């Protein structure tokens, strides 16, 4: 029983490669982010308007969960590879995250967008 837990849980017959294990962890992280978003939506009071958090909370949370410059560059490069106009990219962002500008994305939002752009272009990151 010296096999890694992911090996046992995923049903792989052989020991996974580092790339396979990383892909599995990435997919699990994305699922957790989506679940956290759903829970946050369910927990928010019905009477409160949807929108950005209050200014004090936003400034406190922004540096921690803000997308990285590398992610922003990757989104721009992937959207160019996919042949997306600014308007089409904005529509895709709204569809996936509810935000219109790439610079307004969180790290988890950016990761979701990059995954979608990867599937559109066939380019893996």
Protein backbone atom coordinates (compact mmCIF):
# COMPACT_ATOMS: atom_id res chain seq x y z
CA UNK A 1 0.00 0.00 0.00
CA UNK A 2 2.81 2.46 -0.80
CA UNK A 3 0.92 3.95 -3.75
CA UNK A 4 0.03 7.67 -3.60
CA UNK A 5 -3.53 8.48 -2.55
CA UNK A 6 -4.34 10.11 -5.90
CA UNK A 7 -3.23 6.90 -7.60
CA UNK A 8 -5.68 4.86 -5.54
CA UNK A 9 -8.54 7.37 -5.68
CA UNK A 10 -8.40 8.00 -9.41
CA UNK A 11 -8.25 4.38 -10.50
CA UNK A 12 -4.95 4.62 -12.40
CA UNK A 13 -3.48 1.22 -13.04
CA UNK A 14 0.10 2.49 -12.95
CA UNK A 15 1.75 5.18 -10.92
CA UNK A 16 0.78 8.55 -12.47
CA UNK A 17 3.34 10.85 -14.01
CA UNK A 18 3.99 14.21 -12.43
CA UNK A 19 2.07 15.88 -15.26
CA UNK A 20 -0.96 13.62 -14.74
CA UNK A 21 -0.92 14.24 -11.00
CA UNK A 22 -0.59 18.00 -11.53
CA UNK A 23 -3.49 17.97 -14.00
CA UNK A 24 -5.63 16.06 -11.52
CA UNK A 25 -4.78 18.50 -8.72
CA UNK A 26 -5.52 21.47 -11.00
CA UNK A 27 -8.92 20.03 -11.93
CA UNK A 28 -9.73 19.42 -8.27
CA UNK A 29 -8.74 23.00 -7.41
CA UNK A 30 -10.98 24.36 -10.14
CA UNK A 31 -13.89 22.28 -8.86
CA UNK A 32 -13.31 23.63 -5.36
CA UNK A 33 -13.31 27.22 -6.67
CA UNK A 34 -16.59 26.65 -8.48
CA UNK A 35 -18.10 25.06 -5.37
CA UNK A 36 -16.93 27.98 -3.21
CA UNK A 37 -18.58 30.43 -5.63
CA UNK A 38 -21.88 28.53 -5.46
CA UNK A 39 -21.74 28.39 -1.66
CA UNK A 40 -21.01 32.13 -1.47
CA UNK A 41 -23.98 32.86 -3.74
CA UNK A 42 -26.24 30.65 -1.64
CA UNK A 43 -25.02 32.22 1.60
CA UNK A 44 -25.48 35.84 0.48
CA UNK A 45 -28.62 37.52 1.83
CA UNK A 46 -31.40 37.66 -0.76
CA UNK A 47 -32.13 41.33 -0.12
CA UNK A 48 -28.59 42.49 -0.78
CA UNK A 49 -27.70 43.60 -4.30
CA UNK A 50 -25.20 41.49 -6.19
CA UNK A 51 -22.01 43.32 -7.02
CA UNK A 52 -18.51 44.05 -5.84
CA UNK A 53 -17.81 43.96 -2.10
CA UNK A 54 -17.66 47.13 -0.05
CA UNK A 55 -14.60 49.28 -0.69
CA UNK A 56 -12.92 48.39 2.61
CA UNK A 57 -13.33 44.64 2.05
CA UNK A 58 -12.34 44.92 -1.62
CA UNK A 59 -9.08 46.68 -0.81
CA UNK A 60 -8.34 44.13 1.91
CA UNK A 61 -9.03 41.13 -0.39
CA UNK A 62 -7.74 42.48 -3.70
CA UNK A 63 -3.97 41.87 -3.39
CA UNK A 64 -4.39 38.28 -2.21
CA UNK A 65 -6.74 37.00 -4.93
CA UNK A 66 -5.85 39.36 -7.77
CA UNK A 67 -4.72 37.70 -10.99
CA UNK A 68 -1.02 37.71 -11.71
CA UNK A 69 0.63 39.60 -14.53
CA UNK A 70 1.60 36.24 -16.00
CA UNK A 71 -2.07 35.16 -16.06
CA UNK A 72 -3.12 38.45 -17.67
CA UNK A 73 -0.48 38.05 -20.36
CA UNK A 74 -1.52 34.43 -20.92
CA UNK A 75 -5.17 35.45 -21.33
CA UNK A 76 -4.25 38.11 -23.87
CA UNK A 77 -1.98 35.73 -25.80
CA UNK A 78 -4.54 32.90 -25.79
CA UNK A 79 -7.33 35.21 -26.94
CA UNK A 80 -5.13 36.37 -29.84
CA UNK A 81 -4.39 32.72 -30.74
CA UNK A 82 -8.13 32.03 -30.68
CA UNK A 83 -8.74 35.05 -32.93
CA UNK A 84 -11.08 36.69 -30.42
CA UNK A 85 -11.88 40.38 -30.76
CA UNK A 86 -12.01 42.54 -27.63
CA UNK A 87 -15.81 42.38 -27.71
CA UNK A 88 -15.86 38.59 -28.03
CA UNK A 89 -13.29 38.23 -25.24
CA UNK A 90 -15.40 40.53 -23.03
CA UNK A 91 -18.49 38.42 -23.79
CA UNK A 92 -16.59 35.23 -22.91
CA UNK A 93 -15.38 36.77 -19.65
CA UNK A 94 -18.92 37.83 -18.71
CA UNK A 95 -20.21 34.36 -19.56
CA UNK A 96 -17.57 32.61 -17.43
CA UNK A 97 -17.00 35.05 -14.56
CA UNK A 98 -19.50 37.91 -14.72
CA UNK A 99 -16.64 40.38 -15.25
CA UNK A 100 -15.95 42.25 -18.46
CA UNK A 101 -12.26 43.20 -18.21
CA UNK A 102 -9.38 40.73 -17.87
CA UNK A 103 -7.71 43.00 -15.31
CA UNK A 104 -10.75 42.66 -13.00
CA UNK A 105 -10.40 38.88 -12.69
CA UNK A 106 -9.33 37.00 -9.59
CA UNK A 107 -6.70 34.27 -9.78
CA UNK A 108 -9.36 31.56 -9.83
CA UNK A 109 -11.40 33.45 -12.47
CA UNK A 110 -8.28 33.80 -14.63
CA UNK A 111 -7.59 30.09 -14.31
CA UNK A 112 -11.14 29.26 -15.47
CA UNK A 113 -10.79 31.63 -18.45
CA UNK A 114 -7.40 30.17 -19.37
CA UNK A 115 -8.81 26.65 -19.27
CA UNK A 116 -11.64 27.67 -21.60
CA UNK A 117 -9.25 29.45 -23.97
CA UNK A 118 -7.02 26.37 -23.96
CA UNK A 119 -9.93 24.22 -25.08
CA UNK A 120 -10.84 26.74 -27.79
CA UNK A 121 -7.33 26.87 -29.19
CA UNK A 122 -6.20 23.32 -28.49
CA UNK A 123 -3.14 24.83 -26.83
CA UNK A 124 -2.21 23.36 -23.46
CA UNK A 125 -0.47 25.47 -20.87
